Amino acid sequence: MSERVNIPNDWKEKVSNIAQLGGIETSVLDNGSGRGNRIVWINTGSGLRFKVELDRGMDIAEAFFNQYGLSWLSKGGFTKPQLFPDKGIDWLRTFGGGLLTTCGLSHVGGPESDEFGERGLHGLISNTPAELVSIIQPDIRNGNTVMSITGKMLETSVFGPHLALRRTISSNLGEPVLRIEDEVTNLGNTAVPLMLLYHFNFGYPLLDEGAEIFWEGKWQARFPEKASIFKEGNSFKTCPPPMYDHNGFGEEVAFIEPAEETDGFSYCGIRNKKIGLELEMKFKKTQLPKLCNWQHWGSGEYVTGIEPGTNWPIGQKAARENGELVFLQPNEKRKFSIEIKIKTDKA
């Protein structure tokens, strides 16, 4: 069942400030490698609260439901943005993990070069600071429970791509739900590639030995000849204990054609019966037709990613050669939306 907090009708007699119930708080970090980063804490008042990194593409770092952590954080956490991480695997130096790291906007995959240029791992957008457009607080005195934050980021270059990402992250007071609504626009005068991947990263204690990873659809291992987890007959949807052969660069990835339910959405997530908690993600396959399941069970680096996207992370070059690369024409827009809901088993 989904959890919802019912606000009593007599709350007006008992609440001085709506922040007692929930809302949005902005601040600036003043210590460590993330010093100077603008952040936003969103408290839904339902037990779900999470931190948005304004200077890191409006990605989501820590996220909690009551006492339980939901997201995986890398050892380095969220540092200051590296504005041009477009060489080799430099992107990994500032990969904070978090509930969400956005990859793109014009390249998702490993480092590569061709006649169209040189591209580093997973693109630029997660290292791009946002221009804050609006903050809307809940106003339940006037019947409005919605809280939201909107910002915009640019991936731009003279003579090159000029893409704008406008992102709104919203919740309703009293509901353990967060919504991400993105709009990507080509503001340039030539057609440009669009590659976008939502790198959701789940960690302990939501992710634990015996927890269930759920998604449906046809799948294939990224590297079938090297696969030891993603093989027919294996229980790769049940989280294992730490695997020492995953220390360092050990990992496996499944490429999935997500199944579409009768309501037009695809569903996936993590279910941990030990703590009675489920994180459910839904998105429209018409917007995000591809899905990845990244599994990295290293000691002290225990994480799985469930990642909807416009393409699998094969890079711009391979997607172009396969005829799968999406292009945005001048002034063309594409919209993407994802919803995350926390469910509990009170029993």
Protein backbone atom coordinates (compact mmCIF):
# COMPACT_ATOMS: atom_id res chain seq x y z
CA MET A 1 0.00 0.00 0.00
CA SER A 2 1.17 3.55 -0.55
CA GLU A 3 1.70 5.73 2.49
CA ARG A 4 -0.10 9.03 2.87
CA VAL A 5 -0.16 11.40 5.81
CA ASN A 6 -3.61 12.79 6.49
CA ILE A 7 -3.46 16.31 7.88
CA PRO A 8 -6.19 16.74 10.53
CA ASN A 9 -8.88 19.32 9.82
CA ASP A 10 -8.06 21.21 13.01
CA TRP A 11 -4.42 21.86 12.06
CA LYS A 12 -5.01 25.62 11.73
CA GLU A 13 -5.50 25.85 15.47
CA LYS A 14 -2.19 24.08 16.13
CA VAL A 15 0.35 25.17 13.49
CA SER A 16 2.21 28.48 13.61
CA ASN A 17 4.38 27.93 10.52
CA ILE A 18 3.71 25.58 7.61
CA ALA A 19 7.38 24.50 7.76
CA GLN A 20 6.35 22.43 10.80
CA LEU A 21 4.60 20.11 8.34
CA GLY A 22 7.03 20.25 5.40
CA GLY A 23 8.26 22.39 2.55
CA ILE A 24 11.38 23.55 0.71
CA GLU A 25 14.55 24.96 2.23
CA THR A 26 17.51 26.36 0.29
CA SER A 27 21.07 26.69 1.54
CA VAL A 28 24.74 26.73 0.53
CA LEU A 29 27.28 24.15 1.69
CA ASP A 30 30.20 25.68 3.59
CA ASN A 31 32.59 22.77 4.10
CA GLY A 32 34.39 19.97 2.28
CA SER A 33 34.75 19.30 -1.44
CA GLY A 34 31.20 20.50 -2.12
CA ARG A 35 31.79 23.87 -0.46
CA GLY A 36 29.84 26.59 -2.25
CA ASN A 37 27.29 24.25 -3.83
CA ARG A 38 23.71 25.50 -3.65
CA ILE A 39 21.35 22.83 -2.34
CA VAL A 40 17.63 22.43 -1.74
CA TRP A 41 16.07 20.18 0.89
CA ILE A 42 12.53 19.08 0.09
CA ASN A 43 10.53 17.65 3.00
CA THR A 44 7.24 16.15 1.85
CA GLY A 45 5.93 15.81 5.42
CA SER A 46 5.23 12.13 4.73
CA GLY A 47 8.60 10.72 5.80
CA LEU A 48 10.11 11.26 2.33
CA ARG A 49 12.77 13.97 2.19
CA PHE A 50 15.56 14.52 -0.31
CA LYS A 51 18.31 16.94 -1.31
CA VAL A 52 18.53 18.58 -4.73
CA GLU A 53 21.96 19.73 -5.93
CA LEU A 54 21.28 22.99 -7.81
CA ASP A 55 24.88 23.26 -8.99
CA ARG A 56 25.00 19.67 -10.21
CA GLY A 57 22.28 19.61 -12.88
CA MET A 58 19.50 19.62 -10.26
CA ASP A 59 20.32 16.01 -9.52
CA ILE A 60 19.15 14.39 -6.28
CA ALA A 61 21.76 13.37 -3.68
CA GLU A 62 20.62 12.00 -0.31
CA ALA A 63 17.06 10.71 -0.03
CA PHE A 64 15.35 9.19 2.99
CA PHE A 65 12.04 7.68 4.01
CA ASN A 66 11.73 7.97 7.78
CA GLN A 67 14.95 6.42 9.15
CA TYR A 68 15.84 4.56 5.96
CA GLY A 69 18.30 5.78 3.35
CA LEU A 70 17.23 5.20 -0.25
CA SER A 71 20.17 6.35 -2.35
CA TRP A 72 23.77 5.26 -2.84
CA LEU A 73 26.47 7.88 -2.38
CA SER A 74 29.93 7.48 -3.86
CA LYS A 75 32.99 7.74 -1.62
CA GLY A 76 33.61 11.30 -2.82
CA GLY A 77 29.99 12.41 -2.60
CA PHE A 78 28.77 15.48 -4.47
CA THR A 79 31.72 17.77 -5.12
CA LYS A 80 31.80 21.11 -6.87
CA PRO A 81 30.89 20.76 -10.55
CA GLN A 82 33.66 20.08 -13.02
CA LEU A 83 32.30 22.26 -15.78
CA PHE A 84 33.88 20.47 -18.74
CA PRO A 85 34.32 16.76 -17.86
CA ASP A 86 34.40 15.76 -21.51
CA LYS A 87 37.69 13.86 -21.65
CA GLY A 88 38.04 10.15 -21.03
CA ILE A 89 36.54 8.97 -17.75
CA ASP A 90 37.08 12.24 -15.86
CA TRP A 91 33.32 12.20 -15.18
CA LEU A 92 33.90 9.50 -12.55
CA ARG A 93 36.00 11.88 -10.45
CA THR A 94 32.90 13.91 -9.55
CA PHE A 95 30.27 11.17 -9.82
CA GLY A 96 28.46 11.54 -6.51
CA GLY A 97 25.91 8.81 -7.13
CA GLY A 98 22.87 9.99 -5.23
CA LEU A 99 19.31 9.03 -5.94
CA LEU A 100 19.68 10.57 -9.41
CA THR A 101 22.58 11.54 -11.64
CA THR A 102 21.50 12.78 -15.08
CA CYS A 103 23.57 11.70 -18.08
CA GLY A 104 23.52 13.54 -21.42
CA LEU A 105 22.23 15.72 -23.00
CA SER A 106 23.89 14.80 -26.29
CA HIS A 107 26.03 11.81 -25.30
CA VAL A 108 25.51 8.84 -22.96
CA GLY A 109 28.12 6.12 -22.84
CA GLY A 110 31.87 5.66 -22.73
CA PRO A 111 34.52 8.07 -24.03
CA GLU A 112 34.79 8.16 -27.83
CA SER A 113 35.80 10.28 -30.78
CA ASP A 114 34.81 10.43 -34.43
CA GLU A 115 34.50 12.97 -37.21
CA PHE A 116 31.83 14.76 -35.14
CA GLY A 117 34.13 15.39 -32.17
CA GLU A 118 35.47 13.97 -28.93
CA ARG A 119 33.15 13.01 -26.08
CA GLY A 120 33.87 11.94 -22.51
CA LEU A 121 31.93 9.53 -20.33
CA HIS A 122 28.20 10.33 -19.94
CA GLY A 123 28.18 13.94 -21.07
CA LEU A 124 28.14 17.33 -19.38
CA ILE A 125 24.74 17.94 -17.84
CA SER A 126 25.37 16.54 -14.34
CA ASN A 127 28.21 19.04 -13.92
CA THR A 128 26.14 22.01 -15.09
CA PRO A 129 24.83 24.56 -12.53
CA ALA A 130 21.16 25.49 -12.78
CA GLU A 131 19.64 28.92 -13.07
CA LEU A 132 16.90 28.88 -10.45
CA VAL A 133 13.56 29.85 -12.01
CA SER A 134 11.04 29.34 -9.23
CA ILE A 135 10.32 27.88 -5.81
CA ILE A 136 6.72 27.16 -4.89
CA GLN A 137 5.95 26.35 -1.28
CA PRO A 138 2.85 24.44 -0.16
CA ASP A 139 0.07 26.77 0.94
CA ILE A 140 -2.49 24.57 2.63
CA ARG A 141 -4.23 27.57 4.18
CA ASN A 142 -5.41 28.21 0.62
CA GLY A 143 -5.83 24.53 -0.26
CA ASN A 144 -2.57 24.07 -2.21
CA THR A 145 -0.41 21.10 -1.14
CA VAL A 146 2.02 21.25 -4.09
CA MET A 147 5.67 22.20 -3.57
CA SER A 148 8.08 22.51 -6.49
CA ILE A 149 11.40 23.83 -7.65
CA THR A 150 12.20 24.72 -11.27
CA GLY A 151 15.53 25.50 -12.87
CA LYS A 152 17.20 25.48 -16.27
CA MET A 153 20.60 24.35 -17.53
CA LEU A 154 22.39 24.89 -20.85
CA GLU A 155 24.66 22.59 -22.83
CA THR A 156 26.07 25.05 -25.29
CA SER A 157 29.07 25.96 -27.43
CA VAL A 158 29.77 28.53 -30.10
CA PHE A 159 29.26 26.79 -33.47
CA GLY A 160 28.07 23.73 -31.52
CA PRO A 161 24.97 22.34 -29.80
CA HIS A 162 22.74 24.73 -27.88
CA LEU A 163 20.45 22.59 -25.75
CA ALA A 164 18.39 23.79 -22.80
CA LEU A 165 17.07 21.54 -20.03
CA ARG A 166 14.22 22.93 -17.94
CA ARG A 167 13.60 20.73 -14.89
CA THR A 168 10.81 20.81 -12.33
CA ILE A 169 10.94 18.61 -9.23
CA SER A 170 7.71 18.52 -7.26
CA SER A 171 5.86 16.75 -4.46
CA ASN A 172 2.59 17.09 -2.58
CA LEU A 173 2.61 17.77 1.13
CA GLY A 174 1.69 14.58 2.94
CA GLU A 175 2.49 12.19 0.06
CA PRO A 176 5.72 10.12 -0.31
CA VAL A 177 5.99 10.88 -4.02
CA LEU A 178 8.47 12.90 -6.05
CA ARG A 179 8.01 13.89 -9.67
CA ILE A 180 10.65 14.94 -12.19
CA GLU A 181 9.41 16.79 -15.27
CA ASP A 182 12.03 17.70 -17.86
CA GLU A 183 11.82 19.61 -21.12
CA VAL A 184 14.78 19.63 -23.51
CA THR A 185 14.78 22.29 -26.24
CA ASN A 186 17.15 22.81 -29.16
CA LEU A 187 17.79 26.55 -29.08
CA GLY A 188 20.35 26.36 -31.87
CA ASN A 189 20.01 26.65 -35.64
CA THR A 190 21.08 23.10 -36.59
CA ALA A 191 19.79 19.64 -35.74
CA VAL A 192 21.70 18.11 -32.79
CA PRO A 193 21.80 14.68 -31.13
CA LEU A 194 19.75 14.06 -28.01
CA MET A 195 20.85 11.31 -25.61
CA LEU A 196 19.43 11.32 -22.08
CA LEU A 197 19.70 8.74 -19.30
CA TYR A 198 18.35 8.95 -15.75
CA HIS A 199 20.99 7.21 -13.62
CA PHE A 200 19.03 6.29 -10.46
CA ASN A 201 21.31 4.77 -7.80
CA PHE A 202 19.99 2.76 -4.86
CA GLY A 203 21.94 1.83 -1.75
CA TYR A 204 21.76 0.41 1.75
CA PRO A 205 19.51 -0.03 3.69
CA LEU A 206 16.84 0.02 0.97
CA LEU A 207 19.24 -2.09 -1.07
CA ASP A 208 20.33 -5.09 0.95
CA GLU A 209 20.98 -8.79 0.63
CA GLY A 210 17.68 -10.47 -0.31
CA ALA A 211 15.98 -7.28 -1.54
CA GLU A 212 14.15 -7.60 -4.84
CA ILE A 213 14.93 -5.62 -7.98
CA PHE A 214 11.84 -5.45 -10.17
CA TRP A 215 11.45 -4.62 -13.84
CA GLU A 216 9.87 -6.43 -16.76
CA GLY A 217 10.88 -6.68 -20.40
CA LYS A 218 13.17 -8.41 -22.87
CA TRP A 219 16.79 -8.09 -21.83
CA GLN A 220 20.33 -8.87 -22.84
CA ALA A 221 23.65 -8.61 -21.05
CA ARG A 222 25.75 -5.68 -22.20
CA PHE A 223 28.71 -8.05 -22.68
CA PRO A 224 27.19 -11.54 -22.98
CA GLU A 225 30.56 -13.26 -23.36
CA LYS A 226 31.69 -11.90 -19.96
CA ALA A 227 28.38 -12.18 -18.08
CA SER A 228 28.25 -14.12 -14.83
CA ILE A 229 25.16 -12.44 -13.32
CA PHE A 230 22.92 -11.66 -16.29
CA LYS A 231 22.52 -15.19 -17.60
CA GLU A 232 19.30 -17.12 -18.16
CA GLY A 233 18.40 -19.07 -15.05
CA ASN A 234 20.27 -16.80 -12.63
CA SER A 235 18.41 -14.99 -9.85
CA PHE A 236 19.75 -11.59 -10.88
CA LYS A 237 16.69 -9.78 -9.48
CA THR A 238 17.59 -10.77 -5.92
CA CYS A 239 20.34 -8.68 -4.32
CA PRO A 240 23.37 -10.79 -3.36
CA PRO A 241 25.85 -10.27 -0.53
CA PRO A 242 28.92 -8.19 -1.43
CA MET A 243 30.89 -9.78 -4.27
CA TYR A 244 34.64 -9.33 -3.97
CA ASP A 245 35.17 -9.84 -7.69
CA HIS A 246 33.23 -6.57 -8.08
CA ASN A 247 35.84 -4.64 -6.11
CA GLY A 248 37.39 -1.98 -8.30
CA PHE A 249 35.88 -1.95 -11.79
CA GLY A 250 33.75 -5.09 -11.40
CA GLU A 251 30.18 -4.62 -12.62
CA GLU A 252 27.50 -5.99 -14.92
CA VAL A 253 24.75 -4.27 -16.89
CA ALA A 254 21.55 -5.52 -18.49
CA PHE A 255 20.04 -3.70 -21.48
CA ILE A 256 16.23 -3.93 -21.23
CA GLU A 257 13.30 -3.20 -23.51
CA PRO A 258 10.90 -2.19 -20.71
CA ALA A 259 7.44 -3.71 -20.74
CA GLU A 260 4.55 -1.25 -21.07
CA GLU A 261 1.53 -1.78 -18.85
CA THR A 262 -2.05 -1.18 -19.95
CA ASP A 263 -1.96 2.31 -18.41
CA GLY A 264 0.86 3.29 -20.78
CA PHE A 265 3.58 3.31 -18.11
CA SER A 266 6.58 1.13 -17.40
CA TYR A 267 7.30 0.22 -13.77
CA CYS A 268 10.48 -0.73 -11.94
CA GLY A 269 12.14 -0.34 -8.56
CA ILE A 270 13.40 -1.96 -5.36
CA ARG A 271 11.36 -3.95 -2.82
CA ASN A 272 12.86 -4.77 0.58
CA LYS A 273 10.50 -6.97 2.59
CA LYS A 274 12.92 -7.06 5.53
CA ILE A 275 12.16 -3.41 6.32
CA GLY A 276 8.72 -3.32 4.68
CA LEU A 277 9.67 -0.73 2.10
CA GLU A 278 9.30 -0.43 -1.66
CA LEU A 279 10.47 2.26 -4.04
CA GLU A 280 8.45 2.25 -7.27
CA MET A 281 9.43 4.22 -10.34
CA LYS A 282 7.17 4.79 -13.33
CA PHE A 283 7.77 6.43 -16.69
CA LYS A 284 6.30 6.45 -20.18
CA LYS A 285 7.97 4.12 -22.64
CA THR A 286 7.03 6.48 -25.47
CA GLN A 287 9.37 9.05 -23.84
CA LEU A 288 12.05 6.72 -22.48
CA PRO A 289 12.08 3.50 -24.53
CA LYS A 290 15.24 1.96 -23.03
CA LEU A 291 16.16 0.76 -19.54
CA CYS A 292 19.41 -0.40 -17.90
CA ASN A 293 20.03 -2.33 -14.71
CA TRP A 294 23.57 -1.66 -13.44
CA GLN A 295 24.78 -3.99 -10.69
CA HIS A 296 27.98 -3.28 -8.77
CA TRP A 297 28.23 -5.32 -5.58
CA GLY A 298 31.73 -4.33 -4.45
CA SER A 299 32.76 -4.38 -0.79
CA GLY A 300 31.99 -0.93 0.59
CA GLU A 301 30.60 0.08 -2.80
CA TYR A 302 27.30 -1.81 -2.87
CA VAL A 303 24.90 -0.32 -5.41
CA THR A 304 22.48 -1.02 -8.20
CA GLY A 305 21.23 1.44 -10.78
CA ILE A 306 17.89 1.36 -12.61
CA GLU A 307 18.18 3.75 -15.51
CA PRO A 308 15.50 4.73 -18.04
CA GLY A 309 16.70 6.63 -21.09
CA THR A 310 16.26 7.59 -24.70
CA ASN A 311 19.05 5.14 -25.59
CA TRP A 312 21.13 2.49 -23.92
CA PRO A 313 24.52 3.96 -22.91
CA ILE A 314 26.32 2.87 -26.06
CA GLY A 315 27.55 6.33 -27.03
CA GLN A 316 26.68 8.73 -29.79
CA LYS A 317 28.90 6.98 -32.35
CA ALA A 318 27.31 3.52 -32.04
CA ALA A 319 23.78 4.96 -31.85
CA ARG A 320 24.44 6.90 -35.07
CA GLU A 321 25.78 3.79 -36.80
CA ASN A 322 22.77 1.74 -35.62
CA GLY A 323 20.31 4.35 -36.82
CA GLU A 324 19.08 4.84 -33.23
CA LEU A 325 20.40 8.32 -32.56
CA VAL A 326 17.64 10.86 -31.86
CA PHE A 327 18.01 14.34 -33.32
CA LEU A 328 16.31 17.52 -32.18
CA GLN A 329 15.55 20.01 -34.91
CA PRO A 330 15.94 23.76 -34.27
CA ASN A 331 13.29 24.91 -31.74
CA GLU A 332 12.07 21.33 -31.24
CA LYS A 333 11.20 20.22 -27.69
CA ARG A 334 10.98 16.85 -26.00
CA LYS A 335 9.32 16.24 -22.63
CA PHE A 336 10.18 13.54 -20.11
CA SER A 337 8.55 12.70 -16.79
CA ILE A 338 9.34 10.20 -14.04
CA GLU A 339 7.51 9.55 -10.79
CA ILE A 340 8.91 7.86 -7.71
CA LYS A 341 6.57 6.60 -5.01
CA ILE A 342 7.44 5.05 -1.65
CA LYS A 343 5.21 2.22 -0.45
CA THR A 344 5.20 0.58 2.97
CA ASP A 345 3.98 -2.65 4.47
CA LYS A 346 2.74 -1.62 7.89
CA ALA A 347 2.27 -5.25 8.90
